Amino acid sequence: METMGKLSQNQPIRSCAVFGGGVAGLAAAERLTAAGVKVTLFERETFLGGLCRRVQVGESYVDLGPHNVRTGSAEVLAYWKDLLGDHLESRPVLKPKILFLGRLLSYPIETKELLSQLPFAVLMRAGVDYFARYLRGPKQIESYRDWVVKNYGKTLAKVFFEPLTEKIWCFPAEKLDANFGKKRIPKISVLRALLGLARSDRSHPEHPLFADIYYPREGVYEICQKIAERVISRGGRILTQSEVCNYSLSDSNATVHWVDRTSGEKMTETFDYILSSIPHNPGAKGTEELVYRGTAFLFLEIPASDRLSVPLIYCADRDLPFNRVTDFSYFSTAIIGKERNVICIEYNPGSTDDVTLEKYADQIVESLKVLGLLKLGRIFARRIDFEAVVYPVYVRGYGGLLAQMFAEFAQKERLLLLGRQALYQHINIDGAIESGFRAVELALTAPFDAQRKLDLYRKGLP
């Protein structure tokens, strides 16, 4: 059990435990060691990087899925360049597609292009619904379904937005929060589309053209690798296969109880402070409804000549068993086998047992062949990975649940949360690094200031 007490506001942090060896935890550990703090990073897996780790597929190595290595932060870009030097390579602007009704359309969706795929009767109904949405639409915007109906009308919500979202997120549209739509869908005008003038809003942060695109020569794991090397070179400890079981907070220190997963030995160590990037919501009151979505990854090593026409393809069609296909030849080829290419297919199998994962994988391969996405049909190697904690799901009312959780954790005077999973935020690799930076700044300057911690946590609230 945790114990709380009053602490000296002037007490310096000399030692710190960091929970989680993903990008946020590594960035925080690196900044702490640069400031002379004694750091121990705990990672339960055998590898570092979390969702940015590297996997082997046959003769090739690739990232666990694609990553947006882009940023609007000059600080993060300078950090990447300092870490990687000439290994940080610019890439052409990504131009993904989305598979809808058997056709590849631009993504994010261009309204005019979407409407052009609809049967005439459906198109007319969509137009009527769009103009009537203010009269017949929901009065209160609480769910994702309310939001898309209010912005696009019932027909487009039913034929496109709801099926796509429910397929990918495995949640009914009415159980997702309205802010999910605001954060994930660029605002586009159906009226302008009907007039033939549609253009999507490229200022939206989810748009792939939002910022310059970069990619490390040897994949995003290279960022994690370089950060870890700096931590170790400054005397920091990185303990893999070390699972934190519990921690306790007192007036004078933070005690961490952990187990070495290799030997089974249980250990205890004390620190001045804890920075945690692992999910904490089960330990907070009233947050049982906050959930994460898992994802299965199917990797196929194929001939180099078997290349997709675009780097990313999303799939909106419900009858196809996958959500997204990535061609790694557009990202990083330095660690892919000679005359090889690797594609990654993400899917939601409904069950995580090996038989189900393999069954879905077989269906996906056949679908790719039928669609012409596997032109040669030759596969040198394949691999399946399943990650249970990938995306925070913005369930209805999640803002209030998070506010309650943050208020509780802000009072824990020797603990600070950071990163995608602990803060329950959709952030890319640049956001994870920034989260690590900001957490360390606060830990070094005002580690016991509950209000500043709360302000930091609230930045991700709707």
Protein backbone atom coordinates (compact mmCIF):
# COMPACT_ATOMS: atom_id res chain seq x y z
CA MET A 1 0.00 0.00 0.00
CA GLU A 2 1.14 3.56 -0.69
CA THR A 3 1.80 6.01 2.11
CA MET A 4 1.74 9.77 1.63
CA GLY A 5 3.46 12.51 3.55
CA LYS A 6 4.63 16.11 3.40
CA LEU A 7 7.93 16.70 1.62
CA SER A 8 10.46 19.48 1.52
CA GLN A 9 9.92 21.63 -1.54
CA ASN A 10 13.68 22.23 -1.75
CA GLN A 11 14.75 18.60 -1.60
CA PRO A 12 16.79 17.77 -4.75
CA ILE A 13 16.27 14.60 -6.78
CA ARG A 14 19.45 12.54 -6.79
CA SER A 15 18.04 9.18 -7.89
CA CYS A 16 15.04 8.25 -10.02
CA ALA A 17 13.30 5.08 -11.14
CA VAL A 18 11.83 5.15 -14.65
CA PHE A 19 9.07 2.65 -15.40
CA GLY A 20 8.89 1.53 -19.04
CA GLY A 21 11.53 1.35 -21.76
CA GLY A 22 9.47 2.87 -24.57
CA VAL A 23 10.33 6.16 -26.25
CA ALA A 24 8.94 8.38 -23.47
CA GLY A 25 10.69 6.47 -20.68
CA LEU A 26 13.99 6.39 -22.59
CA ALA A 27 13.84 10.11 -23.40
CA ALA A 28 13.16 10.90 -19.74
CA ALA A 29 16.02 8.67 -18.58
CA GLU A 30 18.40 10.35 -21.03
CA ARG A 31 17.50 13.84 -19.83
CA LEU A 32 17.80 12.80 -16.19
CA THR A 33 21.27 11.31 -16.67
CA ALA A 34 22.32 14.46 -18.54
CA ALA A 35 21.37 16.39 -15.39
CA GLY A 36 23.46 14.11 -13.20
CA VAL A 37 20.59 12.13 -11.70
CA LYS A 38 21.22 8.47 -10.92
CA VAL A 39 18.70 6.56 -13.05
CA THR A 40 17.42 2.99 -13.13
CA LEU A 41 15.01 2.15 -15.94
CA PHE A 42 12.76 -0.90 -15.51
CA GLU A 43 11.44 -2.72 -18.59
CA ARG A 44 9.46 -5.97 -18.21
CA GLU A 45 10.23 -7.25 -21.73
CA THR A 46 13.50 -8.53 -23.15
CA PHE A 47 13.66 -5.56 -25.52
CA LEU A 48 13.49 -1.78 -25.40
CA GLY A 49 11.40 0.54 -27.54
CA GLY A 50 7.88 -0.65 -26.70
CA LEU A 51 5.79 -0.02 -29.80
CA CYS A 52 8.93 1.30 -31.52
CA ARG A 53 10.82 -1.95 -31.23
CA ARG A 54 12.41 -3.91 -34.06
CA VAL A 55 11.32 -7.39 -35.20
CA GLN A 56 12.96 -9.96 -37.46
CA VAL A 57 11.10 -11.38 -40.45
CA GLY A 58 13.15 -13.96 -42.32
CA GLU A 59 16.34 -12.21 -43.45
CA SER A 60 14.91 -8.76 -42.71
CA TYR A 61 14.45 -6.44 -39.73
CA VAL A 62 11.66 -3.89 -39.57
CA ASP A 63 9.79 -1.72 -37.09
CA LEU A 64 6.68 -2.97 -35.32
CA GLY A 65 4.35 -1.21 -37.74
CA PRO A 66 4.75 2.22 -39.35
CA HIS A 67 5.49 5.39 -37.40
CA ASN A 68 4.98 9.08 -38.07
CA VAL A 69 8.51 10.46 -37.77
CA ARG A 70 7.41 14.05 -38.19
CA THR A 71 7.17 16.95 -35.80
CA GLY A 72 6.22 20.58 -35.51
CA SER A 73 8.68 20.90 -32.60
CA ALA A 74 12.07 22.43 -33.37
CA GLU A 75 13.33 20.96 -30.08
CA VAL A 76 12.44 17.38 -31.04
CA LEU A 77 13.77 17.74 -34.59
CA ALA A 78 17.09 19.06 -33.24
CA TYR A 79 17.18 16.14 -30.82
CA TRP A 80 16.65 13.61 -33.61
CA LYS A 81 19.39 15.21 -35.71
CA ASP A 82 21.77 15.20 -32.75
CA LEU A 83 21.04 11.54 -32.04
CA LEU A 84 21.12 10.21 -35.59
CA GLY A 85 23.23 12.61 -37.66
CA ASP A 86 23.02 11.68 -41.33
CA HIS A 87 21.00 8.57 -40.40
CA LEU A 88 17.95 10.84 -40.09
CA GLU A 89 16.82 10.84 -43.69
CA SER A 90 14.05 12.88 -45.28
CA ARG A 91 11.30 11.01 -47.06
CA PRO A 92 8.86 11.98 -49.80
CA VAL A 93 5.48 13.13 -48.49
CA LEU A 94 3.38 10.11 -47.63
CA LYS A 95 0.26 9.72 -49.75
CA PRO A 96 -1.79 6.91 -48.19
CA LYS A 97 -4.92 5.42 -49.69
CA ILE A 98 -8.05 3.96 -48.19
CA LEU A 99 -9.85 0.94 -49.64
CA PHE A 100 -13.58 1.69 -49.81
CA LEU A 101 -16.11 -0.30 -51.83
CA GLY A 102 -13.22 -2.02 -53.60
CA ARG A 103 -11.60 1.25 -54.75
CA LEU A 104 -8.46 3.00 -53.50
CA LEU A 105 -9.27 6.57 -52.49
CA SER A 106 -7.14 9.36 -51.06
CA TYR A 107 -6.61 9.37 -47.30
CA PRO A 108 -7.52 11.39 -45.32
CA ILE A 109 -10.65 11.15 -47.39
CA GLU A 110 -11.46 13.84 -49.93
CA THR A 111 -15.22 14.37 -49.67
CA LYS A 112 -15.76 14.71 -53.40
CA GLU A 113 -13.90 11.45 -54.03
CA LEU A 114 -15.92 9.67 -51.33
CA LEU A 115 -19.23 10.86 -52.73
CA SER A 116 -18.24 9.82 -56.25
CA GLN A 117 -18.11 6.17 -55.11
CA LEU A 118 -21.66 6.10 -53.78
CA PRO A 119 -24.63 4.83 -55.80
CA PHE A 120 -26.82 7.67 -57.10
CA ALA A 121 -29.71 6.94 -54.70
CA VAL A 122 -27.34 6.87 -51.71
CA LEU A 123 -25.66 10.07 -52.89
CA MET A 124 -29.00 11.87 -53.09
CA ARG A 125 -29.96 10.63 -49.64
CA ALA A 126 -26.58 11.80 -48.31
CA GLY A 127 -27.20 15.25 -49.75
CA VAL A 128 -30.66 15.51 -48.16
CA ASP A 129 -29.31 14.28 -44.81
CA TYR A 130 -26.45 16.75 -44.95
CA PHE A 131 -28.71 19.77 -45.44
CA ALA A 132 -31.22 18.49 -42.86
CA ARG A 133 -28.66 17.57 -40.21
CA TYR A 134 -29.16 20.78 -38.21
CA LEU A 135 -32.90 20.11 -38.04
CA ARG A 136 -32.86 16.36 -37.52
CA GLY A 137 -29.41 15.80 -36.08
CA PRO A 138 -28.60 15.20 -32.41
CA LYS A 139 -29.17 18.16 -30.10
CA GLN A 140 -26.32 17.21 -27.79
CA ILE A 141 -22.98 16.04 -29.17
CA GLU A 142 -21.79 13.37 -26.75
CA SER A 143 -20.79 10.35 -28.84
CA TYR A 144 -18.69 9.82 -31.95
CA ARG A 145 -21.88 8.91 -33.79
CA ASP A 146 -23.46 12.23 -32.73
CA TRP A 147 -20.42 14.08 -34.04
CA VAL A 148 -20.32 12.48 -37.50
CA VAL A 149 -24.10 12.75 -37.94
CA LYS A 150 -23.97 16.43 -36.99
CA ASN A 151 -21.10 17.11 -39.40
CA TYR A 152 -21.88 14.77 -42.30
CA GLY A 153 -25.47 13.56 -41.93
CA LYS A 154 -26.88 10.13 -41.12
CA THR A 155 -26.21 8.53 -44.51
CA LEU A 156 -22.47 9.20 -44.66
CA ALA A 157 -22.23 8.25 -40.99
CA LYS A 158 -23.90 4.91 -41.72
CA VAL A 159 -22.15 3.97 -44.97
CA PHE A 160 -18.62 5.18 -44.21
CA PHE A 161 -17.62 6.73 -40.88
CA GLU A 162 -19.31 4.31 -38.49
CA PRO A 163 -18.32 1.06 -40.28
CA LEU A 164 -14.70 2.19 -40.61
CA THR A 165 -14.43 3.27 -36.98
CA GLU A 166 -16.21 0.25 -35.53
CA LYS A 167 -14.08 -2.12 -37.60
CA ILE A 168 -10.79 -0.59 -36.51
CA TRP A 169 -11.63 0.28 -32.90
CA CYS A 170 -13.94 -2.66 -32.07
CA PHE A 171 -16.37 -0.33 -30.27
CA PRO A 172 -19.88 0.80 -31.29
CA ALA A 173 -19.86 4.39 -32.55
CA GLU A 174 -22.32 5.48 -29.87
CA LYS A 175 -19.91 4.31 -27.14
CA LEU A 176 -16.99 6.40 -28.41
CA ASP A 177 -16.59 10.01 -27.30
CA ALA A 178 -17.36 12.92 -29.62
CA ASN A 179 -13.79 14.14 -29.17
CA PHE A 180 -12.63 11.03 -31.00
CA GLY A 181 -14.10 12.51 -34.18
CA LYS A 182 -12.65 15.95 -33.52
CA LYS A 183 -9.17 14.53 -32.99
CA ARG A 184 -9.11 11.88 -35.73
CA ILE A 185 -11.14 13.26 -38.66
CA PRO A 186 -10.09 16.34 -40.66
CA LYS A 187 -13.06 18.71 -41.01
CA ILE A 188 -14.20 18.61 -44.62
CA SER A 189 -17.23 20.16 -46.28
CA VAL A 190 -19.85 18.06 -48.02
CA LEU A 191 -21.41 21.22 -49.46
CA ARG A 192 -18.16 22.21 -51.13
CA ALA A 193 -17.82 18.65 -52.40
CA LEU A 194 -21.26 18.81 -53.97
CA LEU A 195 -20.14 22.00 -55.67
CA GLY A 196 -16.98 20.28 -56.90
CA LEU A 197 -14.63 22.37 -54.76
CA ALA A 198 -13.68 19.92 -51.98
CA ARG A 199 -10.25 19.91 -50.43
CA SER A 200 -9.45 18.32 -47.11
CA ASP A 201 -8.06 20.47 -44.30
CA ARG A 202 -4.33 19.84 -44.35
CA SER A 203 -3.78 21.85 -41.20
CA HIS A 204 -5.34 19.02 -39.18
CA PRO A 205 -2.62 17.26 -37.14
CA GLU A 206 -3.78 13.82 -38.31
CA HIS A 207 -3.20 14.74 -41.94
CA PRO A 208 -0.10 13.00 -43.38
CA LEU A 209 1.02 16.24 -45.06
CA PHE A 210 1.02 18.16 -41.77
CA ALA A 211 4.80 18.27 -41.39
CA ASP A 212 8.03 17.20 -43.08
CA ILE A 213 8.55 13.44 -43.05
CA TYR A 214 11.73 11.83 -41.77
CA TYR A 215 12.77 8.26 -41.08
CA PRO A 216 15.89 6.83 -39.44
CA ARG A 217 18.00 4.86 -41.89
CA GLU A 218 17.72 1.73 -39.74
CA GLY A 219 14.12 2.27 -38.56
CA VAL A 220 12.63 4.05 -35.57
CA TYR A 221 14.23 1.56 -33.19
CA GLU A 222 17.51 3.30 -34.03
CA ILE A 223 16.22 6.30 -32.04
CA CYS A 224 15.62 4.08 -29.00
CA GLN A 225 18.99 2.42 -29.45
CA LYS A 226 20.88 5.72 -29.54
CA ILE A 227 19.04 7.06 -26.49
CA ALA A 228 19.76 3.88 -24.52
CA GLU A 229 23.46 4.12 -25.40
CA ARG A 230 23.57 7.64 -23.97
CA VAL A 231 21.83 6.58 -20.76
CA ILE A 232 24.29 3.74 -20.20
CA SER A 233 27.35 5.85 -21.11
CA ARG A 234 26.40 8.29 -18.33
CA GLY A 235 26.11 5.57 -15.73
CA GLY A 236 22.38 4.92 -15.96
CA ARG A 237 21.06 1.39 -15.46
CA ILE A 238 18.65 -0.24 -17.91
CA LEU A 239 17.12 -3.43 -16.54
CA THR A 240 15.17 -5.50 -19.07
CA GLN A 241 13.03 -8.45 -17.99
CA SER A 242 12.46 -6.53 -14.77
CA GLU A 243 8.79 -6.20 -13.90
CA VAL A 244 7.63 -3.63 -11.35
CA CYS A 245 5.20 -5.32 -8.98
CA ASN A 246 4.43 -2.43 -6.67
CA TYR A 247 5.78 0.80 -5.26
CA SER A 248 5.28 2.78 -2.08
CA LEU A 249 5.74 6.50 -1.42
CA SER A 250 6.82 8.02 1.88
CA ASP A 251 8.05 11.35 3.23
CA SER A 252 11.64 10.50 2.44
CA ASN A 253 11.71 8.19 -0.58
CA ALA A 254 9.98 6.03 -3.18
CA THR A 255 10.36 2.28 -2.80
CA VAL A 256 10.11 0.03 -5.85
CA HIS A 257 9.35 -3.69 -5.60
CA TRP A 258 10.25 -5.61 -8.73
CA VAL A 259 10.97 -9.12 -9.94
CA ASP A 260 13.72 -10.36 -12.24
CA ARG A 261 11.71 -12.36 -14.78
CA THR A 262 14.76 -14.43 -15.72
CA SER A 263 15.56 -15.74 -12.25
CA GLY A 264 12.26 -15.10 -10.48
CA GLU A 265 14.12 -13.23 -7.75
CA LYS A 266 12.14 -10.48 -6.00
CA MET A 267 13.97 -7.26 -5.22
CA THR A 268 13.39 -3.92 -3.53
CA GLU A 269 15.18 -0.62 -4.10
CA THR A 270 14.62 2.95 -2.91
CA PHE A 271 14.81 6.14 -4.97
CA ASP A 272 14.07 9.81 -4.51
CA TYR A 273 11.46 9.84 -7.28
CA ILE A 274 9.56 7.77 -9.88
CA LEU A 275 8.72 8.64 -13.49
CA SER A 276 6.22 6.18 -14.94
CA SER A 277 5.26 5.64 -18.58
CA ILE A 278 3.26 2.43 -17.99
CA PRO A 279 -0.56 2.29 -17.80
CA HIS A 280 -1.76 3.26 -14.35
CA ASN A 281 -5.52 3.59 -14.71
CA PRO A 282 -6.40 0.28 -12.98
CA GLY A 283 -4.96 1.73 -9.78
CA ALA A 284 -7.04 4.91 -9.86
CA LYS A 285 -10.58 5.20 -8.59
CA GLY A 286 -13.42 5.20 -11.11
CA THR A 287 -11.28 4.59 -14.20
CA GLU A 288 -12.08 0.94 -14.90
CA GLU A 289 -13.84 2.06 -18.09
CA LEU A 290 -10.63 3.40 -19.61
CA VAL A 291 -9.47 0.71 -22.02
CA TYR A 292 -6.77 0.15 -24.62
CA ARG A 293 -7.16 -1.54 -27.98
CA GLY A 294 -4.81 -4.32 -28.97
CA THR A 295 -3.61 -5.07 -32.49
CA ALA A 296 -2.28 -8.10 -34.33
CA PHE A 297 0.59 -7.56 -36.80
CA LEU A 298 1.21 -9.89 -39.72
CA PHE A 299 4.62 -9.42 -41.39
CA LEU A 300 5.29 -10.88 -44.81
CA GLU A 301 8.76 -10.99 -46.34
CA ILE A 302 8.27 -10.93 -50.10
CA PRO A 303 10.35 -10.22 -53.23
CA ALA A 304 11.67 -6.64 -53.53
CA SER A 305 9.86 -6.31 -56.85
CA ASP A 306 6.51 -6.99 -55.14
CA ARG A 307 5.87 -3.43 -53.98
CA LEU A 308 2.65 -1.58 -53.17
CA SER A 309 1.81 1.47 -55.24
CA VAL A 310 1.58 3.56 -52.05
CA PRO A 311 3.24 3.22 -48.60
CA LEU A 312 0.03 2.83 -46.59
CA ILE A 313 -3.41 1.43 -47.38
CA TYR A 314 -6.26 1.65 -44.88
CA CYS A 315 -9.25 -0.63 -45.31
CA ALA A 316 -12.81 0.58 -44.69
CA ASP A 317 -14.56 -2.46 -46.17
CA ARG A 318 -16.01 -4.64 -43.42
CA ASP A 319 -15.81 -7.85 -45.41
CA LEU A 320 -12.01 -7.65 -45.64
CA PRO A 321 -10.13 -9.04 -42.60
CA PHE A 322 -7.52 -6.29 -42.14
CA ASN A 323 -7.29 -2.62 -41.15
CA ARG A 324 -4.05 -1.31 -42.62
CA VAL A 325 -1.21 -2.46 -44.89
CA THR A 326 2.26 -0.91 -44.75
CA ASP A 327 5.05 -1.33 -47.30
CA PHE A 328 8.38 -0.88 -45.49
CA SER A 329 10.32 -0.24 -48.70
CA TYR A 330 8.97 3.34 -48.48
CA PHE A 331 10.36 3.76 -44.95
CA SER A 332 13.67 1.99 -44.37
CA THR A 333 15.47 -0.52 -46.58
CA ALA A 334 18.87 -0.54 -44.83
CA ILE A 335 17.94 -3.46 -42.58
CA ILE A 336 15.73 -5.36 -45.05
CA GLY A 337 17.27 -8.47 -46.62
CA LYS A 338 18.88 -8.32 -50.06
CA GLU A 339 16.28 -8.42 -52.85
CA ARG A 340 13.58 -8.55 -50.18
CA ASN A 341 10.67 -6.37 -49.13
CA VAL A 342 8.45 -6.55 -46.04
CA ILE A 343 4.82 -5.56 -45.72
CA CYS A 344 2.97 -5.32 -42.41
CA ILE A 345 -0.77 -5.94 -42.09
CA GLU A 346 -2.66 -4.88 -38.94
CA TYR A 347 -5.86 -6.67 -37.97
CA ASN A 348 -8.24 -7.35 -35.08
CA PRO A 349 -8.78 -11.12 -34.80
CA GLY A 350 -11.28 -10.98 -31.94
CA SER A 351 -9.28 -13.62 -30.06
CA THR A 352 -5.57 -13.78 -29.31
CA ASP A 353 -5.01 -17.52 -29.33
CA ASP A 354 -2.47 -18.78 -31.86
CA VAL A 355 -5.02 -20.74 -33.91
CA THR A 356 -7.23 -17.67 -34.45
CA LEU A 357 -4.26 -15.43 -35.26
CA GLU A 358 -3.01 -17.92 -37.86
CA LYS A 359 -6.49 -18.41 -39.33
CA TYR A 360 -6.92 -14.68 -39.85
CA ALA A 361 -3.42 -14.44 -41.29
CA ASP A 362 -4.28 -17.06 -43.91
CA GLN A 363 -7.46 -15.14 -44.82
CA ILE A 364 -5.50 -11.90 -45.10
CA VAL A 365 -2.93 -13.42 -47.47
CA GLU A 366 -5.70 -14.72 -49.74
CA SER A 367 -7.45 -11.32 -49.68
CA LEU A 368 -4.23 -9.52 -50.62
CA LYS A 369 -3.77 -11.85 -53.58
CA VAL A 370 -7.36 -11.31 -54.77
CA LEU A 371 -6.97 -7.55 -54.46
CA GLY A 372 -3.72 -7.63 -56.43
CA LEU A 373 -1.68 -6.29 -53.52
CA LEU A 374 0.46 -9.43 -53.53
CA LYS A 375 1.20 -9.52 -57.23
CA LEU A 376 3.77 -12.32 -57.30
CA GLY A 377 2.21 -14.29 -54.46
CA ARG A 378 5.61 -15.46 -53.24
CA ILE A 379 6.27 -15.26 -49.48
CA PHE A 380 9.75 -16.01 -48.08
CA ALA A 381 8.79 -15.68 -44.41
CA ARG A 382 5.94 -14.55 -42.22
CA ARG A 383 5.60 -13.52 -38.60
CA ILE A 384 2.66 -12.69 -36.30
CA ASP A 385 2.87 -10.45 -33.25
CA PHE A 386 0.06 -9.36 -30.96
CA GLU A 387 0.21 -6.27 -28.74
CA ALA A 388 -2.52 -5.96 -26.12
CA VAL A 389 -1.91 -2.29 -25.26
CA VAL A 390 -1.55 -0.13 -28.37
CA TYR A 391 -4.23 2.56 -28.68
CA PRO A 392 -6.14 4.30 -25.88
CA VAL A 393 -9.84 4.09 -26.78
CA TYR A 394 -11.71 7.36 -26.29
CA VAL A 395 -14.86 5.95 -24.71
CA ARG A 396 -17.75 8.30 -23.92
CA GLY A 397 -16.97 10.45 -20.93
CA TYR A 398 -13.25 9.59 -20.97
CA GLY A 399 -12.38 13.23 -20.28
CA GLY A 400 -14.09 13.15 -16.91
CA LEU A 401 -12.52 9.79 -16.05
CA LEU A 402 -9.08 11.12 -16.94
CA ALA A 403 -9.62 14.30 -14.95
CA GLN A 404 -10.42 12.16 -11.90
CA MET A 405 -7.36 9.98 -12.45
CA PHE A 406 -5.06 12.95 -12.98
CA ALA A 407 -6.33 14.71 -9.85
CA GLU A 408 -5.54 11.59 -7.83
CA PHE A 409 -2.06 11.06 -9.29
CA ALA A 410 -1.10 14.74 -9.04
CA GLN A 411 -1.21 14.32 -5.26
CA LYS A 412 1.36 11.52 -5.31
CA GLU A 413 4.34 13.64 -4.42
CA ARG A 414 7.14 11.34 -5.54
CA LEU A 415 5.50 10.08 -8.73
CA LEU A 416 5.06 11.69 -12.15
CA LEU A 417 3.28 10.20 -15.19
CA LEU A 418 4.43 10.59 -18.78
CA GLY A 419 3.99 9.07 -22.22
CA ARG A 420 1.24 7.64 -24.37
CA GLN A 421 0.02 4.80 -22.17
CA ALA A 422 0.26 6.40 -18.72
CA LEU A 423 -1.42 9.62 -19.87
CA TYR A 424 -3.93 7.80 -22.11
CA GLN A 425 -3.17 9.95 -25.15
CA HIS A 426 -2.85 9.43 -28.89
CA ILE A 427 0.65 10.77 -29.42
CA ASN A 428 3.26 9.85 -32.01
CA ILE A 429 6.97 9.39 -31.41
CA ASP A 430 7.64 13.14 -31.27
CA GLY A 431 4.89 13.62 -28.68
CA ALA A 432 6.29 10.76 -26.59
CA ILE A 433 9.74 12.37 -26.58
CA GLU A 434 8.28 15.77 -25.68
CA SER A 435 6.34 14.14 -22.86
CA GLY A 436 9.60 12.74 -21.48
CA PHE A 437 11.29 16.14 -21.74
CA ARG A 438 8.48 18.03 -19.99
CA ALA A 439 8.25 15.45 -17.21
CA VAL A 440 11.96 15.74 -16.47
CA GLU A 441 11.82 19.54 -16.48
CA LEU A 442 9.09 19.41 -13.85
CA ALA A 443 10.81 16.70 -11.83
CA LEU A 444 14.01 18.75 -11.66
CA THR A 445 12.42 22.13 -10.94
CA ALA A 446 9.20 21.50 -8.99
CA PRO A 447 8.90 17.77 -8.29
CA PHE A 448 6.35 18.16 -5.49
CA ASP A 449 4.13 20.84 -7.04
CA ALA A 450 0.75 19.10 -7.41
CA GLN A 451 -0.80 21.94 -9.41
CA ARG A 452 1.97 21.99 -12.02
CA LYS A 453 1.75 18.22 -12.36
CA LEU A 454 -1.99 18.50 -12.83
CA ASP A 455 -1.53 21.22 -15.46
CA LEU A 456 0.94 18.98 -17.29
CA TYR A 457 -1.48 16.03 -17.24
CA ARG A 458 -4.44 18.14 -18.36
CA LYS A 459 -2.81 19.13 -21.65
CA GLY A 460 -4.17 15.94 -23.18
CA LEU A 461 -7.73 16.44 -21.96
CA PRO A 462 -10.54 17.34 -24.41
